[in-house]
């Protein structure tokens, strides 16, 4: 193989690799994971304005929450605790037409009066959720929390769950 053929083969291989990487980067599952990571970073830096654009204005769930009430819960968390840290693990992704379901496990820790504590979940019993994201005109947005298990609020969530 002469030098020209070798260069051509390298360029073709690099082009195919770049196309595969770009396809994965632009996939709905990866786009939603990036949106979720940005929302988590905004929570950790206590920027409510970084969280709310990730949530659909038409958000609703079986616990009676809306876009506004979720914003209030997140703001309350940010007001009550300093140094929030979210340990997030995406456990699965299911891509459908214009929507992505993500299974997640997470633990939120924070500080009150300099004392670090578990806020939501623990390392032994993390919170679990199934999040439904939909493609909207403005991009991927959290449209619904389909399942939610928070050990500290198990009884309250069960009481508030709408049929």
N, C-alpha and C. Protein backbone atom coordinates (compact mmCIF):
# COMPACT_ATOMS: atom_id res chain seq x y z
N UNK A 1 0.85 -1.17 0.00
CA UNK A 1 0.00 0.00 0.00
C UNK A 1 0.90 1.23 0.00
N UNK A 2 0.66 2.12 -0.93
CA UNK A 2 1.49 3.32 -0.96
C UNK A 2 0.94 4.35 0.03
N UNK A 3 1.67 5.41 0.16
CA UNK A 3 1.35 6.45 1.15
C UNK A 3 -0.02 7.08 0.92
N UNK A 4 -0.38 7.32 -0.32
CA UNK A 4 -1.66 7.92 -0.64
C UNK A 4 -2.83 7.02 -0.22
N UNK A 5 -2.72 5.74 -0.48
CA UNK A 5 -3.76 4.81 -0.08
C UNK A 5 -3.88 4.75 1.45
N UNK A 6 -2.75 4.77 2.13
CA UNK A 6 -2.75 4.74 3.59
C UNK A 6 -3.45 5.98 4.16
N UNK A 7 -3.14 7.14 3.60
CA UNK A 7 -3.79 8.38 4.03
C UNK A 7 -5.29 8.30 3.78
N UNK A 8 -5.70 7.79 2.64
CA UNK A 8 -7.11 7.65 2.31
C UNK A 8 -7.82 6.71 3.30
N UNK A 9 -7.19 5.60 3.62
CA UNK A 9 -7.78 4.65 4.58
C UNK A 9 -7.91 5.31 5.96
N UNK A 10 -6.89 6.02 6.39
CA UNK A 10 -6.93 6.70 7.69
C UNK A 10 -8.05 7.74 7.70
N UNK A 11 -8.20 8.52 6.63
CA UNK A 11 -9.26 9.52 6.55
C UNK A 11 -10.65 8.89 6.58
N UNK A 12 -10.82 7.78 5.88
CA UNK A 12 -12.12 7.09 5.87
C UNK A 12 -12.43 6.56 7.27
N UNK A 13 -11.46 5.94 7.92
CA UNK A 13 -11.67 5.41 9.27
C UNK A 13 -11.99 6.55 10.24
N UNK A 14 -11.26 7.66 10.14
CA UNK A 14 -11.51 8.81 11.01
C UNK A 14 -12.89 9.39 10.74
N UNK A 15 -13.30 9.45 9.50
CA UNK A 15 -14.62 9.97 9.14
C UNK A 15 -15.74 9.09 9.69
N UNK A 16 -15.58 7.79 9.57
CA UNK A 16 -16.59 6.87 10.10
C UNK A 16 -16.66 6.99 11.62
N UNK A 17 -15.51 7.04 12.28
CA UNK A 17 -15.48 7.18 13.74
C UNK A 17 -16.14 8.49 14.17
N UNK A 18 -15.86 9.56 13.46
CA UNK A 18 -16.47 10.86 13.79
C UNK A 18 -17.99 10.81 13.58
N UNK A 19 -18.44 10.16 12.52
CA UNK A 19 -19.87 10.05 12.26
C UNK A 19 -20.57 9.24 13.34
N UNK A 20 -19.95 8.15 13.77
CA UNK A 20 -20.54 7.34 14.85
C UNK A 20 -20.58 8.11 16.16
N UNK A 21 -19.52 8.83 16.46
CA UNK A 21 -19.48 9.64 17.69
C UNK A 21 -20.55 10.72 17.63
N UNK A 22 -20.67 11.40 16.50
CA UNK A 22 -21.67 12.45 16.34
C UNK A 22 -23.08 11.90 16.45
N UNK A 23 -23.30 10.72 15.88
CA UNK A 23 -24.62 10.08 15.97
C UNK A 23 -24.97 9.80 17.43
N UNK A 24 -24.03 9.28 18.20
CA UNK A 24 -24.27 9.01 19.63
C UNK A 24 -24.48 10.31 20.39
N UNK A 25 -23.68 11.34 20.08
CA UNK A 25 -23.78 12.63 20.76
C UNK A 25 -25.14 13.27 20.52
N UNK A 26 -25.67 13.13 19.33
CA UNK A 26 -26.93 13.76 18.97
C UNK A 26 -28.15 12.89 19.26
N UNK A 27 -27.95 11.67 19.75
CA UNK A 27 -29.08 10.78 20.00
C UNK A 27 -29.97 11.35 21.10
N UNK A 28 -31.26 11.06 21.05
CA UNK A 28 -32.17 11.58 22.07
C UNK A 28 -31.75 11.19 23.50
N UNK A 29 -31.33 9.95 23.68
CA UNK A 29 -30.90 9.52 25.01
C UNK A 29 -29.75 10.33 25.55
N UNK A 30 -28.77 10.61 24.72
CA UNK A 30 -27.62 11.40 25.15
C UNK A 30 -28.00 12.86 25.37
N UNK A 31 -28.87 13.38 24.52
CA UNK A 31 -29.32 14.77 24.69
C UNK A 31 -30.03 14.94 26.03
N UNK A 32 -30.88 13.98 26.39
CA UNK A 32 -31.59 14.05 27.67
C UNK A 32 -30.62 13.90 28.83
N UNK A 33 -29.67 13.01 28.71
CA UNK A 33 -28.67 12.85 29.77
C UNK A 33 -27.90 14.15 30.00
N UNK A 34 -27.59 14.86 28.91
CA UNK A 34 -26.89 16.15 29.05
C UNK A 34 -27.79 17.17 29.75
N UNK A 35 -29.08 17.20 29.38
CA UNK A 35 -30.01 18.12 30.03
C UNK A 35 -30.10 17.82 31.53
N UNK A 36 -30.19 16.54 31.87
CA UNK A 36 -30.26 16.14 33.27
C UNK A 36 -28.98 16.53 34.01
N UNK A 37 -27.83 16.31 33.40
CA UNK A 37 -26.56 16.68 34.03
C UNK A 37 -26.48 18.19 34.26
N UNK A 38 -26.97 18.97 33.30
CA UNK A 38 -26.99 20.43 33.47
C UNK A 38 -27.91 20.84 34.61
N UNK A 39 -29.06 20.17 34.74
CA UNK A 39 -29.99 20.47 35.83
C UNK A 39 -29.36 20.13 37.18
N UNK A 40 -28.69 19.01 37.27
CA UNK A 40 -28.01 18.60 38.51
C UNK A 40 -26.93 19.62 38.87
N UNK A 41 -26.15 20.04 37.89
CA UNK A 41 -25.10 21.05 38.15
C UNK A 41 -25.72 22.35 38.65
N UNK A 42 -26.88 22.71 38.11
CA UNK A 42 -27.56 23.93 38.55
C UNK A 42 -28.06 23.79 39.99
N UNK A 43 -28.55 22.63 40.36
CA UNK A 43 -28.98 22.40 41.75
C UNK A 43 -27.78 22.51 42.67
N UNK A 44 -26.69 21.88 42.30
CA UNK A 44 -25.49 21.90 43.15
C UNK A 44 -24.93 23.30 43.32
N UNK A 45 -25.07 24.14 42.31
CA UNK A 45 -24.59 25.51 42.42
C UNK A 45 -25.71 26.47 42.85
N UNK A 46 -26.85 25.90 43.21
CA UNK A 46 -28.00 26.64 43.73
C UNK A 46 -28.46 27.75 42.78
N UNK A 47 -28.61 27.37 41.50
CA UNK A 47 -29.10 28.29 40.48
C UNK A 47 -30.45 27.80 39.98
N UNK A 48 -31.51 28.28 40.59
CA UNK A 48 -32.86 27.86 40.20
C UNK A 48 -33.13 28.18 38.74
N UNK A 49 -32.55 29.27 38.24
CA UNK A 49 -32.76 29.64 36.83
C UNK A 49 -32.04 28.70 35.87
N UNK A 50 -31.17 27.85 36.38
CA UNK A 50 -30.55 26.83 35.56
C UNK A 50 -31.35 25.54 35.56
N UNK A 51 -32.22 25.38 36.55
CA UNK A 51 -33.05 24.17 36.67
C UNK A 51 -34.34 24.31 35.89
N UNK A 52 -35.04 25.41 36.06
CA UNK A 52 -36.39 25.56 35.53
C UNK A 52 -36.51 25.43 34.01
N UNK A 53 -35.54 25.88 33.21
CA UNK A 53 -35.67 25.69 31.76
C UNK A 53 -35.61 24.22 31.33
N UNK A 54 -35.22 23.33 32.22
CA UNK A 54 -35.16 21.91 31.90
C UNK A 54 -36.50 21.23 32.13
N UNK A 55 -37.45 21.94 32.73
CA UNK A 55 -38.75 21.38 33.07
C UNK A 55 -39.81 21.97 32.13
N UNK A 56 -40.67 21.11 31.63
CA UNK A 56 -41.75 21.55 30.74
C UNK A 56 -42.74 22.40 31.50
N UNK A 57 -43.24 23.44 30.87
CA UNK A 57 -44.29 24.27 31.47
C UNK A 57 -45.56 23.45 31.71
N UNK A 58 -45.73 22.36 30.98
CA UNK A 58 -46.91 21.51 31.15
C UNK A 58 -46.62 20.31 32.06
N UNK A 59 -45.54 20.37 32.83
CA UNK A 59 -45.18 19.28 33.73
C UNK A 59 -46.33 18.93 34.66
N UNK A 60 -46.57 17.65 34.86
CA UNK A 60 -47.51 17.18 35.87
C UNK A 60 -47.09 15.78 36.27
N UNK A 61 -47.49 15.37 37.47
CA UNK A 61 -47.21 14.02 37.91
C UNK A 61 -48.34 13.51 38.78
N UNK A 62 -48.28 12.26 39.18
CA UNK A 62 -49.37 11.63 39.94
C UNK A 62 -49.43 12.06 41.39
N UNK A 63 -48.52 12.92 41.81
CA UNK A 63 -48.53 13.45 43.17
C UNK A 63 -49.11 14.86 43.20
N UNK A 64 -49.62 15.32 42.07
CA UNK A 64 -50.27 16.62 41.99
C UNK A 64 -49.31 17.77 41.75
N UNK A 65 -48.06 17.49 41.42
CA UNK A 65 -47.10 18.56 41.17
C UNK A 65 -47.24 19.14 39.77
N UNK A 66 -46.87 20.41 39.66
CA UNK A 66 -46.86 21.14 38.39
C UNK A 66 -45.49 21.78 38.23
N UNK A 67 -45.31 22.46 37.12
CA UNK A 67 -44.07 23.21 36.88
C UNK A 67 -43.76 24.13 38.06
N UNK A 68 -44.76 24.87 38.49
CA UNK A 68 -44.57 25.85 39.57
C UNK A 68 -44.25 25.18 40.89
N UNK A 69 -44.95 24.09 41.23
CA UNK A 69 -44.71 23.45 42.53
C UNK A 69 -43.34 22.76 42.56
N UNK A 70 -42.92 22.20 41.45
CA UNK A 70 -41.58 21.60 41.40
C UNK A 70 -40.53 22.69 41.61
N UNK A 71 -40.73 23.83 40.97
CA UNK A 71 -39.82 24.96 41.18
C UNK A 71 -39.77 25.37 42.64
N UNK A 72 -40.93 25.39 43.30
CA UNK A 72 -40.99 25.73 44.72
C UNK A 72 -40.25 24.71 45.58
N UNK A 73 -40.39 23.42 45.26
CA UNK A 73 -39.68 22.37 46.01
C UNK A 73 -38.17 22.52 45.85
N UNK A 74 -37.73 22.75 44.63
CA UNK A 74 -36.29 22.89 44.36
C UNK A 74 -35.75 24.14 45.06
N UNK A 75 -36.49 25.25 44.99
CA UNK A 75 -36.05 26.48 45.66
C UNK A 75 -36.01 26.28 47.17
N UNK A 76 -36.99 25.58 47.73
CA UNK A 76 -37.00 25.29 49.16
C UNK A 76 -35.80 24.46 49.58
N UNK A 77 -35.43 23.50 48.77
CA UNK A 77 -34.25 22.67 49.03
C UNK A 77 -32.99 23.54 49.03
N UNK A 78 -32.90 24.42 48.05
CA UNK A 78 -31.74 25.30 47.96
C UNK A 78 -31.67 26.28 49.13
N UNK A 79 -32.84 26.74 49.61
CA UNK A 79 -32.88 27.67 50.73
C UNK A 79 -32.53 26.98 52.05
N UNK A 80 -32.93 25.73 52.20
CA UNK A 80 -32.77 25.02 53.47
C UNK A 80 -31.37 24.46 53.68
N UNK A 81 -30.64 24.17 52.59
CA UNK A 81 -29.35 23.49 52.71
C UNK A 81 -28.27 24.23 51.95
N UNK A 82 -27.06 24.17 52.47
CA UNK A 82 -25.88 24.70 51.79
C UNK A 82 -25.08 23.54 51.23
N UNK A 83 -24.27 23.84 50.24
CA UNK A 83 -23.35 22.83 49.70
C UNK A 83 -24.04 21.58 49.20
N UNK A 84 -25.13 21.75 48.46
CA UNK A 84 -25.85 20.59 47.94
C UNK A 84 -24.96 19.77 47.02
N UNK A 85 -25.08 18.46 47.16
CA UNK A 85 -24.35 17.53 46.29
C UNK A 85 -25.33 16.45 45.86
N UNK A 86 -25.41 16.22 44.57
CA UNK A 86 -26.32 15.21 44.03
C UNK A 86 -25.48 14.10 43.42
N UNK A 87 -25.60 12.91 44.00
CA UNK A 87 -24.94 11.71 43.46
C UNK A 87 -25.99 11.01 42.60
N UNK A 88 -25.84 11.09 41.30
CA UNK A 88 -26.85 10.61 40.35
C UNK A 88 -26.31 9.46 39.53
N UNK A 89 -27.15 8.44 39.35
CA UNK A 89 -26.80 7.30 38.53
C UNK A 89 -27.98 7.02 37.60
N UNK A 90 -27.76 7.12 36.29
CA UNK A 90 -28.80 6.77 35.33
C UNK A 90 -28.78 5.26 35.18
N UNK A 91 -29.91 4.63 35.50
CA UNK A 91 -29.98 3.16 35.52
C UNK A 91 -30.54 2.57 34.25
N UNK A 92 -31.12 3.40 33.41
CA UNK A 92 -31.65 2.90 32.15
C UNK A 92 -32.26 4.01 31.35
N UNK A 93 -32.31 3.81 30.04
CA UNK A 93 -32.92 4.79 29.14
C UNK A 93 -33.73 4.03 28.10
N UNK A 94 -34.93 4.52 27.86
CA UNK A 94 -35.81 3.94 26.86
C UNK A 94 -36.23 5.07 25.93
N UNK A 95 -35.84 4.98 24.68
CA UNK A 95 -36.11 6.04 23.70
C UNK A 95 -37.33 5.65 22.87
N UNK A 96 -38.30 6.56 22.81
CA UNK A 96 -39.49 6.38 21.98
C UNK A 96 -39.61 7.54 21.02
N UNK A 97 -40.73 7.61 20.33
CA UNK A 97 -40.95 8.69 19.37
C UNK A 97 -41.19 10.00 20.11
N UNK A 98 -40.20 10.87 20.11
CA UNK A 98 -40.33 12.18 20.73
C UNK A 98 -40.29 12.17 22.25
N UNK A 99 -39.89 11.04 22.85
CA UNK A 99 -39.79 10.99 24.30
C UNK A 99 -38.70 10.02 24.73
N UNK A 100 -38.19 10.27 25.93
CA UNK A 100 -37.16 9.41 26.52
C UNK A 100 -37.53 9.20 27.98
N UNK A 101 -37.52 7.94 28.40
CA UNK A 101 -37.71 7.60 29.81
C UNK A 101 -36.35 7.25 30.39
N UNK A 102 -36.03 7.92 31.49
CA UNK A 102 -34.78 7.63 32.18
C UNK A 102 -35.09 7.07 33.56
N UNK A 103 -34.47 5.97 33.89
CA UNK A 103 -34.49 5.46 35.25
C UNK A 103 -33.28 6.05 35.96
N UNK A 104 -33.48 6.59 37.15
CA UNK A 104 -32.37 7.19 37.89
C UNK A 104 -32.40 6.75 39.35
N UNK A 105 -31.23 6.70 39.94
CA UNK A 105 -31.06 6.56 41.39
C UNK A 105 -30.25 7.76 41.82
N UNK A 106 -30.61 8.35 42.97
CA UNK A 106 -29.88 9.52 43.40
C UNK A 106 -29.91 9.67 44.92
N UNK A 107 -28.90 10.37 45.40
CA UNK A 107 -28.80 10.74 46.81
C UNK A 107 -28.41 12.21 46.83
N UNK A 108 -29.12 12.99 47.63
CA UNK A 108 -28.80 14.41 47.77
C UNK A 108 -28.32 14.64 49.20
N UNK A 109 -27.16 15.25 49.32
CA UNK A 109 -26.63 15.62 50.63
C UNK A 109 -26.46 17.13 50.67
N UNK A 110 -26.46 17.66 51.89
CA UNK A 110 -26.28 19.10 52.06
C UNK A 110 -25.87 19.40 53.49
N UNK A 111 -25.62 20.65 53.77
CA UNK A 111 -25.19 21.08 55.10
C UNK A 111 -26.18 22.04 55.70
N UNK A 112 -26.38 21.88 57.02
CA UNK A 112 -27.16 22.81 57.82
C UNK A 112 -26.31 23.13 59.03
N UNK A 113 -26.05 24.42 59.24
CA UNK A 113 -25.22 24.85 60.36
C UNK A 113 -23.87 24.13 60.38
N UNK A 114 -23.30 23.91 59.21
CA UNK A 114 -21.99 23.28 59.10
C UNK A 114 -21.98 21.77 59.23
N UNK A 115 -23.12 21.16 59.51
CA UNK A 115 -23.22 19.71 59.65
C UNK A 115 -23.73 19.09 58.35
N UNK A 116 -22.97 18.16 57.79
CA UNK A 116 -23.33 17.48 56.54
C UNK A 116 -24.34 16.38 56.85
N UNK A 117 -25.38 16.28 56.03
CA UNK A 117 -26.37 15.24 56.26
C UNK A 117 -27.01 14.81 54.95
N UNK A 118 -27.61 13.62 54.98
CA UNK A 118 -28.38 13.14 53.84
C UNK A 118 -29.69 13.91 53.80
N UNK A 119 -30.02 14.45 52.66
CA UNK A 119 -31.25 15.22 52.50
C UNK A 119 -32.33 14.35 51.87
N UNK A 120 -32.00 13.72 50.78
CA UNK A 120 -32.91 12.81 50.07
C UNK A 120 -32.16 11.52 49.78
N UNK A 121 -32.65 10.41 50.33
CA UNK A 121 -32.00 9.13 50.13
C UNK A 121 -30.74 9.00 50.97
N UNK A 122 -30.17 7.82 50.94
CA UNK A 122 -28.90 7.53 51.61
C UNK A 122 -28.11 6.60 50.70
N UNK A 123 -26.86 6.40 51.01
CA UNK A 123 -26.07 5.48 50.18
C UNK A 123 -26.62 4.06 50.28
N UNK A 124 -27.19 3.69 51.45
CA UNK A 124 -27.77 2.36 51.62
C UNK A 124 -29.13 2.24 50.95
N UNK A 125 -29.88 3.36 50.88
CA UNK A 125 -31.21 3.37 50.29
C UNK A 125 -31.40 4.64 49.47
N UNK A 126 -30.90 4.63 48.22
CA UNK A 126 -31.02 5.83 47.38
C UNK A 126 -32.46 6.04 46.92
N UNK A 127 -32.74 7.26 46.51
CA UNK A 127 -34.02 7.58 45.88
C UNK A 127 -34.02 6.95 44.49
N UNK A 128 -35.20 6.64 44.01
CA UNK A 128 -35.35 6.08 42.66
C UNK A 128 -36.47 6.82 41.95
N UNK A 129 -36.29 7.01 40.64
CA UNK A 129 -37.33 7.70 39.87
C UNK A 129 -37.28 7.25 38.42
N UNK A 130 -38.42 7.36 37.78
CA UNK A 130 -38.51 7.21 36.33
C UNK A 130 -39.00 8.54 35.80
N UNK A 131 -38.18 9.16 34.96
CA UNK A 131 -38.44 10.51 34.45
C UNK A 131 -38.79 10.44 32.97
N UNK A 132 -39.88 11.06 32.59
CA UNK A 132 -40.29 11.12 31.19
C UNK A 132 -39.93 12.49 30.63
N UNK A 133 -39.08 12.48 29.62
CA UNK A 133 -38.66 13.71 28.93
C UNK A 133 -39.31 13.71 27.56
N UNK A 134 -39.78 14.88 27.14
CA UNK A 134 -40.39 15.02 25.82
C UNK A 134 -39.66 16.08 25.01
N UNK A 135 -39.64 15.86 23.73
CA UNK A 135 -39.06 16.82 22.80
C UNK A 135 -40.10 17.92 22.56
N UNK A 136 -39.75 19.14 22.94
CA UNK A 136 -40.62 20.29 22.73
C UNK A 136 -39.92 21.24 21.78
N UNK A 137 -40.61 22.28 21.39
CA UNK A 137 -40.03 23.24 20.46
C UNK A 137 -38.69 23.77 20.96
N UNK A 138 -38.61 24.02 22.25
CA UNK A 138 -37.38 24.58 22.84
C UNK A 138 -36.32 23.52 23.12
N UNK A 139 -36.64 22.25 22.92
CA UNK A 139 -35.68 21.17 23.18
C UNK A 139 -36.27 20.14 24.14
N UNK A 140 -35.42 19.28 24.68
CA UNK A 140 -35.87 18.23 25.58
C UNK A 140 -36.18 18.81 26.95
N UNK A 141 -37.37 18.49 27.48
CA UNK A 141 -37.81 19.00 28.77
C UNK A 141 -38.42 17.86 29.59
N UNK A 142 -38.23 17.92 30.91
CA UNK A 142 -38.83 16.96 31.82
C UNK A 142 -40.34 17.21 31.83
N UNK A 143 -41.12 16.21 31.39
CA UNK A 143 -42.57 16.37 31.26
C UNK A 143 -43.33 15.71 32.40
N UNK A 144 -42.75 14.68 33.01
CA UNK A 144 -43.47 13.94 34.06
C UNK A 144 -42.50 13.07 34.84
N UNK A 145 -42.77 12.93 36.11
CA UNK A 145 -42.10 11.93 36.93
C UNK A 145 -43.10 10.79 37.06
N UNK A 146 -42.78 9.65 36.44
CA UNK A 146 -43.73 8.55 36.42
C UNK A 146 -43.68 7.73 37.71
N UNK A 147 -42.51 7.50 38.22
CA UNK A 147 -42.33 6.76 39.47
C UNK A 147 -41.36 7.54 40.34
N UNK A 148 -41.60 7.52 41.65
CA UNK A 148 -40.72 8.25 42.57
C UNK A 148 -40.72 7.56 43.92
N UNK A 149 -39.55 7.23 44.39
CA UNK A 149 -39.37 6.61 45.70
C UNK A 149 -38.30 7.41 46.44
N UNK A 150 -38.72 8.12 47.48
CA UNK A 150 -37.80 8.87 48.34
C UNK A 150 -37.98 8.31 49.74
N UNK A 151 -36.98 7.60 50.26
CA UNK A 151 -37.14 6.94 51.56
C UNK A 151 -37.66 7.86 52.67
N UNK A 152 -37.17 9.08 52.75
CA UNK A 152 -37.57 10.00 53.81
C UNK A 152 -39.03 10.44 53.68
N UNK A 153 -39.62 10.35 52.50
CA UNK A 153 -40.98 10.82 52.25
C UNK A 153 -41.89 9.72 51.72
N UNK A 154 -41.54 8.48 51.99
CA UNK A 154 -42.30 7.34 51.45
C UNK A 154 -43.80 7.45 51.79
N UNK A 155 -44.12 7.67 53.05
CA UNK A 155 -45.53 7.72 53.47
C UNK A 155 -46.25 8.91 52.85
N UNK A 156 -45.61 10.06 52.85
CA UNK A 156 -46.23 11.26 52.27
C UNK A 156 -46.48 11.09 50.78
N UNK A 157 -45.52 10.53 50.07
CA UNK A 157 -45.70 10.31 48.63
C UNK A 157 -46.84 9.34 48.37
N UNK A 158 -46.97 8.32 49.20
CA UNK A 158 -48.06 7.36 49.03
C UNK A 158 -49.42 8.03 49.26
N UNK A 159 -49.52 8.89 50.27
CA UNK A 159 -50.77 9.61 50.55
C UNK A 159 -51.14 10.57 49.43
N UNK A 160 -50.15 11.25 48.86
CA UNK A 160 -50.41 12.27 47.84
C UNK A 160 -50.60 11.71 46.45
N UNK A 161 -50.30 10.45 46.26
CA UNK A 161 -50.38 9.85 44.93
C UNK A 161 -51.82 9.86 44.44
N UNK A 162 -52.01 10.47 43.27
CA UNK A 162 -53.35 10.54 42.67
C UNK A 162 -53.60 9.24 41.91
N UNK A 163 -54.85 8.73 41.94
CA UNK A 163 -55.17 7.48 41.24
C UNK A 163 -55.02 7.59 39.75
